[in-house]
């Protein structure tokens, strides 16, 4: 349940519209950044330093108390690795024991057919 929610949070903000603009858009080529409906241009990022400072302080405070939960549940690489890529790997190569057997075998055409 939580993995599906986090995948939605990581993948769909550019497609959700608010006042005609996406909730999150980082357009580097046009130098236009939209975050929660607010448009930021490159000249606006001097004020971003102040926001970055306070965000960093907040993250330090949160991470110092809740790092085990954040590391195991909330990082994008954890969500994508465990709930997307690992499932695809199991579908193609099989479970852990089958993967170990495949790794020990010599690579040939029969080995490729065995995986599918």
PDB file of N, CA and C in Angstrom:
ATOM      1  N   UNK A   1       0.830  -1.199   0.000  1.00  0.00           N
ATOM      2  CA  UNK A   1       0.000   0.000   0.000  1.00  0.00           C
ATOM      3  C   UNK A   1       0.865   1.251   0.000  1.00  0.00           C
ATOM      4  N   UNK A   2       1.836   1.339   0.891  1.00  0.00           N
ATOM      5  CA  UNK A   2       2.653   2.543   0.974  1.00  0.00           C
ATOM      6  C   UNK A   2       3.557   2.669  -0.247  1.00  0.00           C
ATOM      7  N   UNK A   3       4.006   1.560  -0.816  1.00  0.00           N
ATOM      8  CA  UNK A   3       4.861   1.615  -1.999  1.00  0.00           C
ATOM      9  C   UNK A   3       4.088   2.177  -3.192  1.00  0.00           C
ATOM     10  N   UNK A   4       2.861   1.777  -3.363  1.00  0.00           N
ATOM     11  CA  UNK A   4       2.051   2.301  -4.460  1.00  0.00           C
ATOM     12  C   UNK A   4       1.813   3.797  -4.284  1.00  0.00           C
ATOM     13  N   UNK A   5       1.559   4.222  -3.076  1.00  0.00           N
ATOM     14  CA  UNK A   5       1.373   5.658  -2.798  1.00  0.00           C
ATOM     15  C   UNK A   5       2.635   6.446  -3.121  1.00  0.00           C
ATOM     16  N   UNK A   6       3.794   5.932  -2.709  1.00  0.00           N
ATOM     17  CA  UNK A   6       5.044   6.641  -2.971  1.00  0.00           C
ATOM     18  C   UNK A   6       5.387   6.655  -4.452  1.00  0.00           C
ATOM     19  N   UNK A   7       5.076   5.584  -5.180  1.00  0.00           N
ATOM     20  CA  UNK A   7       5.287   5.596  -6.627  1.00  0.00           C
ATOM     21  C   UNK A   7       4.432   6.672  -7.289  1.00  0.00           C
ATOM     22  N   UNK A   8       3.202   6.828  -6.831  1.00  0.00           N
ATOM     23  CA  UNK A   8       2.339   7.885  -7.361  1.00  0.00           C
ATOM     24  C   UNK A   8       2.917   9.254  -7.036  1.00  0.00           C
ATOM     25  N   UNK A   9       3.404   9.435  -5.818  1.00  0.00           N
ATOM     26  CA  UNK A   9       3.995  10.714  -5.416  1.00  0.00           C
ATOM     27  C   UNK A   9       5.229  11.037  -6.252  1.00  0.00           C
ATOM     28  N   UNK A  10       6.042  10.046  -6.583  1.00  0.00           N
ATOM     29  CA  UNK A  10       7.271  10.289  -7.333  1.00  0.00           C
ATOM     30  C   UNK A  10       7.027  10.452  -8.831  1.00  0.00           C
ATOM     31  N   UNK A  11       6.013   9.798  -9.390  1.00  0.00           N
ATOM     32  CA  UNK A  11       5.846   9.774 -10.837  1.00  0.00           C
ATOM     33  C   UNK A  11       4.820  10.758 -11.391  1.00  0.00           C
ATOM     34  N   UNK A  12       3.780  11.104 -10.650  1.00  0.00           N
ATOM     35  CA  UNK A  12       2.665  11.816 -11.244  1.00  0.00           C
ATOM     36  C   UNK A  12       2.577  13.323 -11.007  1.00  0.00           C
ATOM     37  N   UNK A  13       3.382  13.976 -10.181  1.00  0.00           N
ATOM     38  CA  UNK A  13       3.235  15.433 -10.023  1.00  0.00           C
ATOM     39  C   UNK A  13       3.330  16.241 -11.315  1.00  0.00           C
ATOM     40  N   UNK A  14       4.163  15.881 -12.294  1.00  0.00           N
ATOM     41  CA  UNK A  14       4.163  16.682 -13.529  1.00  0.00           C
ATOM     42  C   UNK A  14       2.851  16.601 -14.311  1.00  0.00           C
ATOM     43  N   UNK A  15       2.039  15.598 -14.059  1.00  0.00           N
ATOM     44  CA  UNK A  15       0.796  15.420 -14.812  1.00  0.00           C
ATOM     45  C   UNK A  15      -0.427  15.988 -14.104  1.00  0.00           C
ATOM     46  N   UNK A  16      -0.287  16.384 -12.846  1.00  0.00           N
ATOM     47  CA  UNK A  16      -1.400  16.945 -12.077  1.00  0.00           C
ATOM     48  C   UNK A  16      -1.394  18.451 -12.287  1.00  0.00           C
ATOM     49  N   UNK A  17      -2.504  19.001 -12.766  1.00  0.00           N
ATOM     50  CA  UNK A  17      -2.590  20.426 -13.080  1.00  0.00           C
ATOM     51  C   UNK A  17      -3.197  21.209 -11.919  1.00  0.00           C
ATOM     52  N   UNK A  18      -2.658  22.402 -11.709  1.00  0.00           N
ATOM     53  CA  UNK A  18      -3.199  23.345 -10.736  1.00  0.00           C
ATOM     54  C   UNK A  18      -3.160  24.723 -11.387  1.00  0.00           C
ATOM     55  N   UNK A  19      -4.324  25.338 -11.600  1.00  0.00           N
ATOM     56  CA  UNK A  19      -4.452  26.622 -12.287  1.00  0.00           C
ATOM     57  C   UNK A  19      -3.807  26.580 -13.673  1.00  0.00           C
ATOM     58  N   UNK A  20      -3.940  25.462 -14.362  1.00  0.00           N
ATOM     59  CA  UNK A  20      -3.433  25.334 -15.719  1.00  0.00           C
ATOM     60  C   UNK A  20      -1.973  24.937 -15.829  1.00  0.00           C
ATOM     61  N   UNK A  21      -1.249  24.919 -14.731  1.00  0.00           N
ATOM     62  CA  UNK A  21       0.164  24.533 -14.733  1.00  0.00           C
ATOM     63  C   UNK A  21       0.346  23.257 -13.926  1.00  0.00           C
ATOM     64  N   UNK A  22       1.378  22.477 -14.239  1.00  0.00           N
ATOM     65  CA  UNK A  22       1.625  21.273 -13.436  1.00  0.00           C
ATOM     66  C   UNK A  22       2.038  21.631 -12.012  1.00  0.00           C
ATOM     67  N   UNK A  23       1.811  20.718 -11.097  1.00  0.00           N
ATOM     68  CA  UNK A  23       2.219  20.955  -9.709  1.00  0.00           C
ATOM     69  C   UNK A  23       3.739  21.024  -9.616  1.00  0.00           C
ATOM     70  N   UNK A  24       4.434  20.186 -10.364  1.00  0.00           N
ATOM     71  CA  UNK A  24       5.897  20.183 -10.343  1.00  0.00           C
ATOM     72  C   UNK A  24       6.406  20.096 -11.768  1.00  0.00           C
ATOM     73  N   UNK A  25       7.167  21.106 -12.180  1.00  0.00           N
ATOM     74  CA  UNK A  25       7.773  21.119 -13.503  1.00  0.00           C
ATOM     75  C   UNK A  25       9.154  21.743 -13.381  1.00  0.00           C
ATOM     76  N   UNK A  26      10.170  21.003 -13.760  1.00  0.00           N
ATOM     77  CA  UNK A  26      11.540  21.497 -13.731  1.00  0.00           C
ATOM     78  C   UNK A  26      12.040  21.547 -15.169  1.00  0.00           C
ATOM     79  N   UNK A  27      11.765  22.640 -15.849  1.00  0.00           N
ATOM     80  CA  UNK A  27      12.133  22.814 -17.248  1.00  0.00           C
ATOM     81  C   UNK A  27      13.465  23.551 -17.302  1.00  0.00           C
ATOM     82  N   UNK A  28      14.540  22.816 -17.453  1.00  0.00           N
ATOM     83  CA  UNK A  28      15.875  23.396 -17.415  1.00  0.00           C
ATOM     84  C   UNK A  28      16.164  24.159 -18.701  1.00  0.00           C
ATOM     85  N   UNK A  29      15.675  23.681 -19.828  1.00  0.00           N
ATOM     86  CA  UNK A  29      15.967  24.328 -21.108  1.00  0.00           C
ATOM     87  C   UNK A  29      15.376  25.741 -21.159  1.00  0.00           C
ATOM     88  N   UNK A  30      14.120  25.899 -20.757  1.00  0.00           N
ATOM     89  CA  UNK A  30      13.494  27.223 -20.749  1.00  0.00           C
ATOM     90  C   UNK A  30      13.752  27.984 -19.454  1.00  0.00           C
ATOM     91  N   UNK A  31      14.428  27.345 -18.508  1.00  0.00           N
ATOM     92  CA  UNK A  31      14.730  27.948 -17.203  1.00  0.00           C
ATOM     93  C   UNK A  31      13.453  28.381 -16.482  1.00  0.00           C
ATOM     94  N   UNK A  32      12.501  27.496 -16.474  1.00  0.00           N
ATOM     95  CA  UNK A  32      11.219  27.754 -15.833  1.00  0.00           C
ATOM     96  C   UNK A  32      10.943  26.608 -14.865  1.00  0.00           C
ATOM     97  N   UNK A  33      10.725  26.936 -13.627  1.00  0.00           N
ATOM     98  CA  UNK A  33      10.510  25.930 -12.596  1.00  0.00           C
ATOM     99  C   UNK A  33       9.184  26.228 -11.907  1.00  0.00           C
ATOM    100  N   UNK A  34       8.293  25.257 -11.916  1.00  0.00           N
ATOM    101  CA  UNK A  34       6.997  25.408 -11.262  1.00  0.00           C
ATOM    102  C   UNK A  34       6.941  24.421 -10.111  1.00  0.00           C
ATOM    103  N   UNK A  35       6.746  24.954  -8.921  1.00  0.00           N
ATOM    104  CA  UNK A  35       6.666  24.130  -7.720  1.00  0.00           C
ATOM    105  C   UNK A  35       5.384  24.511  -6.988  1.00  0.00           C
ATOM    106  N   UNK A  36       4.433  23.578  -6.915  1.00  0.00           N
ATOM    107  CA  UNK A  36       3.129  23.778  -6.291  1.00  0.00           C
ATOM    108  C   UNK A  36       2.418  25.004  -6.843  1.00  0.00           C
ATOM    109  N   UNK A  37       2.475  25.176  -8.176  1.00  0.00           N
ATOM    110  CA  UNK A  37       1.754  26.257  -8.828  1.00  0.00           C
ATOM    111  C   UNK A  37       2.464  27.596  -8.831  1.00  0.00           C
ATOM    112  N   UNK A  38       3.610  27.700  -8.197  1.00  0.00           N
ATOM    113  CA  UNK A  38       4.368  28.953  -8.167  1.00  0.00           C
ATOM    114  C   UNK A  38       5.482  28.853  -9.196  1.00  0.00           C
ATOM    115  N   UNK A  39       5.551  29.841 -10.081  1.00  0.00           N
ATOM    116  CA  UNK A  39       6.566  29.838 -11.131  1.00  0.00           C
ATOM    117  C   UNK A  39       7.821  30.538 -10.612  1.00  0.00           C
ATOM    118  N   UNK A  40       8.949  29.854 -10.757  1.00  0.00           N
ATOM    119  CA  UNK A  40      10.242  30.408 -10.368  1.00  0.00           C
ATOM    120  C   UNK A  40      11.098  30.554 -11.619  1.00  0.00           C
ATOM    121  N   UNK A  41      11.748  31.709 -11.751  1.00  0.00           N
ATOM    122  CA  UNK A  41      12.692  31.969 -12.830  1.00  0.00           C
ATOM    123  C   UNK A  41      14.083  31.992 -12.219  1.00  0.00           C
ATOM    124  N   UNK A  42      15.134  31.929 -13.038  1.00  0.00           N
ATOM    125  CA  UNK A  42      16.494  31.901 -12.468  1.00  0.00           C
ATOM    126  C   UNK A  42      16.800  33.068 -11.532  1.00  0.00           C
ATOM    127  N   UNK A  43      16.263  34.261 -11.808  1.00  0.00           N
ATOM    128  CA  UNK A  43      16.536  35.400 -10.936  1.00  0.00           C
ATOM    129  C   UNK A  43      15.835  35.288  -9.583  1.00  0.00           C
ATOM    130  N   UNK A  44      14.902  34.360  -9.452  1.00  0.00           N
ATOM    131  CA  UNK A  44      14.201  34.171  -8.191  1.00  0.00           C
ATOM    132  C   UNK A  44      14.968  33.291  -7.213  1.00  0.00           C
ATOM    133  N   UNK A  45      16.038  32.673  -7.649  1.00  0.00           N
ATOM    134  CA  UNK A  45      16.676  31.674  -6.805  1.00  0.00           C
ATOM    135  C   UNK A  45      17.582  32.250  -5.726  1.00  0.00           C
ATOM    136  N   UNK A  46      17.785  33.579  -5.718  1.00  0.00           N
ATOM    137  CA  UNK A  46      18.489  34.134  -4.558  1.00  0.00           C
ATOM    138  C   UNK A  46      17.642  33.975  -3.301  1.00  0.00           C
ATOM    139  N   UNK A  47      16.321  34.102  -3.444  1.00  0.00           N
ATOM    140  CA  UNK A  47      15.451  33.835  -2.303  1.00  0.00           C
ATOM    141  C   UNK A  47      15.383  32.344  -2.017  1.00  0.00           C
ATOM    142  N   UNK A  48      15.703  31.526  -3.023  1.00  0.00           N
ATOM    143  CA  UNK A  48      15.732  30.081  -2.824  1.00  0.00           C
ATOM    144  C   UNK A  48      16.823  29.643  -1.872  1.00  0.00           C
ATOM    145  N   UNK A  49      17.890  30.425  -1.790  1.00  0.00           N
ATOM    146  CA  UNK A  49      18.950  30.085  -0.831  1.00  0.00           C
ATOM    147  C   UNK A  49      18.437  30.113   0.600  1.00  0.00           C
ATOM    148  N   UNK A  50      17.609  31.082   0.897  1.00  0.00           N
ATOM    149  CA  UNK A  50      17.033  31.174   2.251  1.00  0.00           C
ATOM    150  C   UNK A  50      16.124  29.982   2.507  1.00  0.00           C
ATOM    151  N   UNK A  51      15.285  29.667   1.519  1.00  0.00           N
ATOM    152  CA  UNK A  51      14.398  28.504   1.655  1.00  0.00           C
ATOM    153  C   UNK A  51      15.223  27.237   1.790  1.00  0.00           C
ATOM    154  N   UNK A  52      16.292  27.128   1.004  1.00  0.00           N
ATOM    155  CA  UNK A  52      17.167  25.967   1.060  1.00  0.00           C
ATOM    156  C   UNK A  52      17.809  25.825   2.443  1.00  0.00           C
ATOM    157  N   UNK A  53      18.213  26.929   3.028  1.00  0.00           N
ATOM    158  CA  UNK A  53      18.814  26.889   4.361  1.00  0.00           C
ATOM    159  C   UNK A  53      17.823  26.332   5.385  1.00  0.00           C
ATOM    160  N   UNK A  54      16.617  26.877   5.394  1.00  0.00           N
ATOM    161  CA  UNK A  54      15.624  26.410   6.360  1.00  0.00           C
ATOM    162  C   UNK A  54      15.176  24.978   6.072  1.00  0.00           C
ATOM    163  N   UNK A  55      15.085  24.618   4.798  1.00  0.00           N
ATOM    164  CA  UNK A  55      14.753  23.239   4.451  1.00  0.00           C
ATOM    165  C   UNK A  55      15.847  22.294   4.924  1.00  0.00           C
ATOM    166  N   UNK A  56      17.100  22.698   4.739  1.00  0.00           N
ATOM    167  CA  UNK A  56      18.222  21.874   5.216  1.00  0.00           C
ATOM    168  C   UNK A  56      18.196  21.689   6.721  1.00  0.00           C
ATOM    169  N   UNK A  57      17.912  22.765   7.444  1.00  0.00           N
ATOM    170  CA  UNK A  57      17.814  22.647   8.905  1.00  0.00           C
ATOM    171  C   UNK A  57      16.680  21.714   9.301  1.00  0.00           C
ATOM    172  N   UNK A  58      15.538  21.839   8.610  1.00  0.00           N
ATOM    173  CA  UNK A  58      14.410  20.972   8.899  1.00  0.00           C
ATOM    174  C   UNK A  58      14.748  19.510   8.600  1.00  0.00           C
ATOM    175  N   UNK A  59      15.416  19.268   7.463  1.00  0.00           N
ATOM    176  CA  UNK A  59      15.791  17.893   7.102  1.00  0.00           C
ATOM    177  C   UNK A  59      16.775  17.319   8.106  1.00  0.00           C
ATOM    178  N   UNK A  60      17.728  18.119   8.551  1.00  0.00           N
ATOM    179  CA  UNK A  60      18.661  17.643   9.576  1.00  0.00           C
ATOM    180  C   UNK A  60      17.927  17.246  10.844  1.00  0.00           C
ATOM    181  N   UNK A  61      16.977  18.059  11.244  1.00  0.00           N
ATOM    182  CA  UNK A  61      16.205  17.754  12.448  1.00  0.00           C
ATOM    183  C   UNK A  61      15.402  16.466  12.278  1.00  0.00           C
ATOM    184  N   UNK A  62      14.724  16.343  11.133  1.00  0.00           N
ATOM    185  CA  UNK A  62      13.897  15.157  10.897  1.00  0.00           C
ATOM    186  C   UNK A  62      14.767  13.913  10.747  1.00  0.00           C
ATOM    187  N   UNK A  63      15.847  14.004   9.941  1.00  0.00           N
ATOM    188  CA  UNK A  63      16.695  12.842   9.706  1.00  0.00           C
ATOM    189  C   UNK A  63      17.387  12.369  10.973  1.00  0.00           C
ATOM    190  N   UNK A  64      17.744  13.297  11.841  1.00  0.00           N
ATOM    191  CA  UNK A  64      18.434  12.875  13.059  1.00  0.00           C
ATOM    192  C   UNK A  64      17.526  12.045  13.959  1.00  0.00           C
ATOM    193  N   UNK A  65      16.218  12.231  13.857  1.00  0.00           N
ATOM    194  CA  UNK A  65      15.297  11.479  14.713  1.00  0.00           C
ATOM    195  C   UNK A  65      14.645  10.296  14.008  1.00  0.00           C
ATOM    196  N   UNK A  66      14.420  10.420  12.721  1.00  0.00           N
ATOM    197  CA  UNK A  66      13.634   9.400  12.016  1.00  0.00           C
ATOM    198  C   UNK A  66      14.393   8.718  10.886  1.00  0.00           C
ATOM    199  N   UNK A  67      15.724   8.721  10.905  1.00  0.00           N
ATOM    200  CA  UNK A  67      16.483   8.180   9.775  1.00  0.00           C
ATOM    201  C   UNK A  67      16.202   6.716   9.480  1.00  0.00           C
ATOM    202  N   UNK A  68      15.978   5.832  10.462  1.00  0.00           N
ATOM    203  CA  UNK A  68      15.702   4.432  10.075  1.00  0.00           C
ATOM    204  C   UNK A  68      14.416   4.289   9.248  1.00  0.00           C
ATOM    205  N   UNK A  69      13.396   5.029   9.614  1.00  0.00           N
ATOM    206  CA  UNK A  69      12.133   4.964   8.884  1.00  0.00           C
ATOM    207  C   UNK A  69      12.313   5.536   7.486  1.00  0.00           C
ATOM    208  N   UNK A  70      13.008   6.655   7.386  1.00  0.00           N
ATOM    209  CA  UNK A  70      13.208   7.307   6.096  1.00  0.00           C
ATOM    210  C   UNK A  70      14.052   6.424   5.181  1.00  0.00           C
ATOM    211  N   UNK A  71      15.108   5.835   5.707  1.00  0.00           N
ATOM    212  CA  UNK A  71      15.984   5.013   4.881  1.00  0.00           C
ATOM    213  C   UNK A  71      15.282   3.775   4.357  1.00  0.00           C
ATOM    214  N   UNK A  72      14.420   3.199   5.163  1.00  0.00           N
ATOM    215  CA  UNK A  72      13.779   1.947   4.743  1.00  0.00           C
ATOM    216  C   UNK A  72      12.524   2.157   3.906  1.00  0.00           C
ATOM    217  N   UNK A  73      11.836   3.254   4.115  1.00  0.00           N
ATOM    218  CA  UNK A  73      10.523   3.385   3.486  1.00  0.00           C
ATOM    219  C   UNK A  73      10.386   4.522   2.495  1.00  0.00           C
ATOM    220  N   UNK A  74      11.098   5.613   2.704  1.00  0.00           N
ATOM    221  CA  UNK A  74      10.768   6.806   1.954  1.00  0.00           C
ATOM    222  C   UNK A  74      11.679   7.203   0.823  1.00  0.00           C
ATOM    223  N   UNK A  75      12.841   6.593   0.679  1.00  0.00           N
ATOM    224  CA  UNK A  75      13.751   7.028  -0.366  1.00  0.00           C
ATOM    225  C   UNK A  75      13.323   6.489  -1.725  1.00  0.00           C
ATOM    226  N   UNK A  76      13.387   7.323  -2.748  1.00  0.00           N
ATOM    227  CA  UNK A  76      12.941   6.868  -4.074  1.00  0.00           C
ATOM    228  C   UNK A  76      13.691   5.643  -4.571  1.00  0.00           C
ATOM    229  N   UNK A  77      15.009   5.564  -4.331  1.00  0.00           N
ATOM    230  CA  UNK A  77      15.750   4.414  -4.838  1.00  0.00           C
ATOM    231  C   UNK A  77      15.287   3.122  -4.157  1.00  0.00           C
ATOM    232  N   UNK A  78      14.872   3.190  -2.904  1.00  0.00           N
ATOM    233  CA  UNK A  78      14.355   2.008  -2.221  1.00  0.00           C
ATOM    234  C   UNK A  78      13.027   1.583  -2.833  1.00  0.00           C
ATOM    235  N   UNK A  79      12.144   2.537  -3.050  1.00  0.00           N
ATOM    236  CA  UNK A  79      10.829   2.224  -3.606  1.00  0.00           C
ATOM    237  C   UNK A  79      10.958   1.647  -5.004  1.00  0.00           C
ATOM    238  N   UNK A  80      11.734   2.316  -5.870  1.00  0.00           N
ATOM    239  CA  UNK A  80      11.863   1.825  -7.237  1.00  0.00           C
ATOM    240  C   UNK A  80      12.600   0.491  -7.288  1.00  0.00           C
ATOM    241  N   UNK A  81      13.622   0.319  -6.468  1.00  0.00           N
ATOM    242  CA  UNK A  81      14.396  -0.919  -6.508  1.00  0.00           C
ATOM    243  C   UNK A  81      13.562  -2.109  -6.035  1.00  0.00           C
ATOM    244  N   UNK A  82      12.936  -1.954  -4.892  1.00  0.00           N
ATOM    245  CA  UNK A  82      12.230  -3.093  -4.297  1.00  0.00           C
ATOM    246  C   UNK A  82      10.884  -3.377  -4.940  1.00  0.00           C
ATOM    247  N   UNK A  83      10.164  -2.361  -5.334  1.00  0.00           N
ATOM    248  CA  UNK A  83       8.790  -2.572  -5.774  1.00  0.00           C
ATOM    249  C   UNK A  83       8.605  -2.481  -7.280  1.00  0.00           C
ATOM    250  N   UNK A  84       9.639  -2.106  -8.021  1.00  0.00           N
ATOM    251  CA  UNK A  84       9.531  -2.070  -9.482  1.00  0.00           C
ATOM    252  C   UNK A  84      10.600  -2.962 -10.094  1.00  0.00           C
ATOM    253  N   UNK A  85      11.873  -2.582  -9.955  1.00  0.00           N
ATOM    254  CA  UNK A  85      12.948  -3.280 -10.655  1.00  0.00           C
ATOM    255  C   UNK A  85      13.160  -4.704 -10.147  1.00  0.00           C
ATOM    256  N   UNK A  86      13.072  -4.908  -8.845  1.00  0.00           N
ATOM    257  CA  UNK A  86      13.273  -6.255  -8.323  1.00  0.00           C
ATOM    258  C   UNK A  86      12.153  -7.191  -8.775  1.00  0.00           C
ATOM    259  N   UNK A  87      10.930  -6.675  -8.874  1.00  0.00           N
ATOM    260  CA  UNK A  87       9.822  -7.507  -9.353  1.00  0.00           C
ATOM    261  C   UNK A  87      10.028  -7.904 -10.811  1.00  0.00           C
ATOM    262  N   UNK A  88      10.531  -6.968 -11.620  1.00  0.00           N
ATOM    263  CA  UNK A  88      10.826  -7.280 -13.021  1.00  0.00           C
ATOM    264  C   UNK A  88      11.946  -8.316 -13.095  1.00  0.00           C
ATOM    265  N   UNK A  89      12.957  -8.162 -12.247  1.00  0.00           N
ATOM    266  CA  UNK A  89      14.070  -9.116 -12.222  1.00  0.00           C
ATOM    267  C   UNK A  89      13.580 -10.514 -11.850  1.00  0.00           C
ATOM    268  N   UNK A  90      12.722 -10.622 -10.866  1.00  0.00           N
ATOM    269  CA  UNK A  90      12.182 -11.930 -10.482  1.00  0.00           C
ATOM    270  C   UNK A  90      11.338 -12.525 -11.599  1.00  0.00           C
ATOM    271  N   UNK A  91      10.616 -11.678 -12.313  1.00  0.00           N
ATOM    272  CA  UNK A  91       9.800 -12.158 -13.407  1.00  0.00           C
ATOM    273  C   UNK A  91      10.669 -12.736 -14.513  1.00  0.00           C
ATOM    274  N   UNK A  92      11.805 -12.096 -14.797  1.00  0.00           N
ATOM    275  CA  UNK A  92      12.678 -12.531 -15.892  1.00  0.00           C
ATOM    276  C   UNK A  92      13.587 -13.674 -15.463  1.00  0.00           C
ATOM    277  N   UNK A  93      14.254 -13.540 -14.310  1.00  0.00           N
ATOM    278  CA  UNK A  93      15.284 -14.499 -13.908  1.00  0.00           C
ATOM    279  C   UNK A  93      14.836 -15.506 -12.858  1.00  0.00           C
ATOM    280  N   UNK A  94      13.711 -15.293 -12.236  1.00  0.00           N
ATOM    281  CA  UNK A  94      13.256 -16.217 -11.201  1.00  0.00           C
ATOM    282  C   UNK A  94      13.708 -15.779  -9.822  1.00  0.00           C
ATOM    283  N   UNK A  95      13.481 -16.648  -8.839  1.00  0.00           N
ATOM    284  CA  UNK A  95      13.823 -16.301  -7.461  1.00  0.00           C
ATOM    285  C   UNK A  95      15.343 -16.347  -7.239  1.00  0.00           C
ATOM    286  N   UNK A  96      15.762 -16.142  -5.994  1.00  0.00           N
ATOM    287  CA  UNK A  96      17.183 -16.025  -5.663  1.00  0.00           C
ATOM    288  C   UNK A  96      17.973 -17.275  -6.034  1.00  0.00           C
ATOM    289  N   UNK A  97      17.446 -18.450  -5.712  1.00  0.00           N
ATOM    290  CA  UNK A  97      18.165 -19.689  -6.010  1.00  0.00           C
ATOM    291  C   UNK A  97      18.318 -19.912  -7.516  1.00  0.00           C
ATOM    292  N   UNK A  98      17.283 -19.616  -8.272  1.00  0.00           N
ATOM    293  CA  UNK A  98      17.367 -19.763  -9.719  1.00  0.00           C
ATOM    294  C   UNK A  98      18.363 -18.749 -10.298  1.00  0.00           C
ATOM    295  N   UNK A  99      18.409 -17.557  -9.749  1.00  0.00           N
ATOM    296  CA  UNK A  99      19.371 -16.555 -10.209  1.00  0.00           C
ATOM    297  C   UNK A  99      20.802 -17.008  -9.951  1.00  0.00           C
ATOM    298  N   UNK A 100      21.039 -17.634  -8.802  1.00  0.00           N
ATOM    299  CA  UNK A 100      22.386 -18.128  -8.496  1.00  0.00           C
ATOM    300  C   UNK A 100      22.799 -19.223  -9.471  1.00  0.00           C
ATOM    301  N   UNK A 101      21.867 -20.143  -9.777  1.00  0.00           N
ATOM    302  CA  UNK A 101      22.166 -21.195 -10.756  1.00  0.00           C
ATOM    303  C   UNK A 101      22.462 -20.600 -12.124  1.00  0.00           C
ATOM    304  N   UNK A 102      21.678 -19.610 -12.530  1.00  0.00           N
ATOM    305  CA  UNK A 102      21.902 -18.971 -13.824  1.00  0.00           C
ATOM    306  C   UNK A 102      23.240 -18.252 -13.875  1.00  0.00           C
ATOM    307  N   UNK A 103      23.656 -17.651 -12.779  1.00  0.00           N
ATOM    308  CA  UNK A 103      24.938 -16.948 -12.745  1.00  0.00           C
ATOM    309  C   UNK A 103      26.113 -17.912 -12.888  1.00  0.00           C
ATOM    310  N   UNK A 104      25.961 -19.134 -12.371  1.00  0.00           N
ATOM    311  CA  UNK A 104      27.055 -20.116 -12.455  1.00  0.00           C
ATOM    312  C   UNK A 104      27.145 -20.773 -13.824  1.00  0.00           C
ATOM    313  N   UNK A 105      26.043 -20.777 -14.571  1.00  0.00           N
ATOM    314  CA  UNK A 105      26.039 -21.412 -15.884  1.00  0.00           C
ATOM    315  C   UNK A 105      26.807 -20.567 -16.892  1.00  0.00           C
ATOM    316  N   UNK A 106      27.279 -21.269 -17.924  1.00  0.00           N
ATOM    317  CA  UNK A 106      27.911 -20.572 -19.041  1.00  0.00           C
ATOM    318  C   UNK A 106      26.812 -19.930 -19.891  1.00  0.00           C
ATOM    319  N   UNK A 107      27.083 -18.748 -20.417  1.00  0.00           N
ATOM    320  CA  UNK A 107      26.080 -18.023 -21.187  1.00  0.00           C
ATOM    321  C   UNK A 107      25.958 -18.630 -22.587  1.00  0.00           C
ATOM    322  N   UNK A 108      24.739 -19.067 -22.927  1.00  0.00           N
ATOM    323  CA  UNK A 108      24.470 -19.614 -24.254  1.00  0.00           C
ATOM    324  C   UNK A 108      22.990 -19.409 -24.582  1.00  0.00           C
ATOM    325  N   UNK A 109      22.588 -19.889 -25.778  1.00  0.00           N
ATOM    326  CA  UNK A 109      21.221 -19.658 -26.223  1.00  0.00           C
ATOM    327  C   UNK A 109      20.212 -20.420 -25.358  1.00  0.00           C
ATOM    328  N   UNK A 110      20.543 -21.625 -24.917  1.00  0.00           N
ATOM    329  CA  UNK A 110      19.632 -22.385 -24.064  1.00  0.00           C
ATOM    330  C   UNK A 110      19.399 -21.667 -22.739  1.00  0.00           C
ATOM    331  N   UNK A 111      20.422 -21.023 -22.251  1.00  0.00           N
ATOM    332  CA  UNK A 111      20.297 -20.261 -21.018  1.00  0.00           C
ATOM    333  C   UNK A 111      19.279 -19.127 -21.200  1.00  0.00           C
ATOM    334  N   UNK A 112      19.284 -18.487 -22.345  1.00  0.00           N
ATOM    335  CA  UNK A 112      18.327 -17.420 -22.610  1.00  0.00           C
ATOM    336  C   UNK A 112      16.902 -17.961 -22.687  1.00  0.00           C
ATOM    337  N   UNK A 113      16.726 -19.131 -23.315  1.00  0.00           N
ATOM    338  CA  UNK A 113      15.397 -19.713 -23.434  1.00  0.00           C
ATOM    339  C   UNK A 113      14.874 -20.172 -22.083  1.00  0.00           C
ATOM    340  N   UNK A 114      15.767 -20.619 -21.204  1.00  0.00           N
ATOM    341  CA  UNK A 114      15.365 -21.095 -19.886  1.00  0.00           C
ATOM    342  C   UNK A 114      14.779 -19.962 -19.049  1.00  0.00           C
ATOM    343  N   UNK A 115      15.217 -18.729 -19.289  1.00  0.00           N
ATOM    344  CA  UNK A 115      14.764 -17.606 -18.485  1.00  0.00           C
ATOM    345  C   UNK A 115      13.352 -17.193 -18.820  1.00  0.00           C
ATOM    346  N   UNK A 116      12.900 -17.455 -20.035  1.00  0.00           N
ATOM    347  CA  UNK A 116      11.581 -16.949 -20.430  1.00  0.00           C
ATOM    348  C   UNK A 116      10.485 -17.930 -20.170  1.00  0.00           C
TER     349      UNK A 116
END
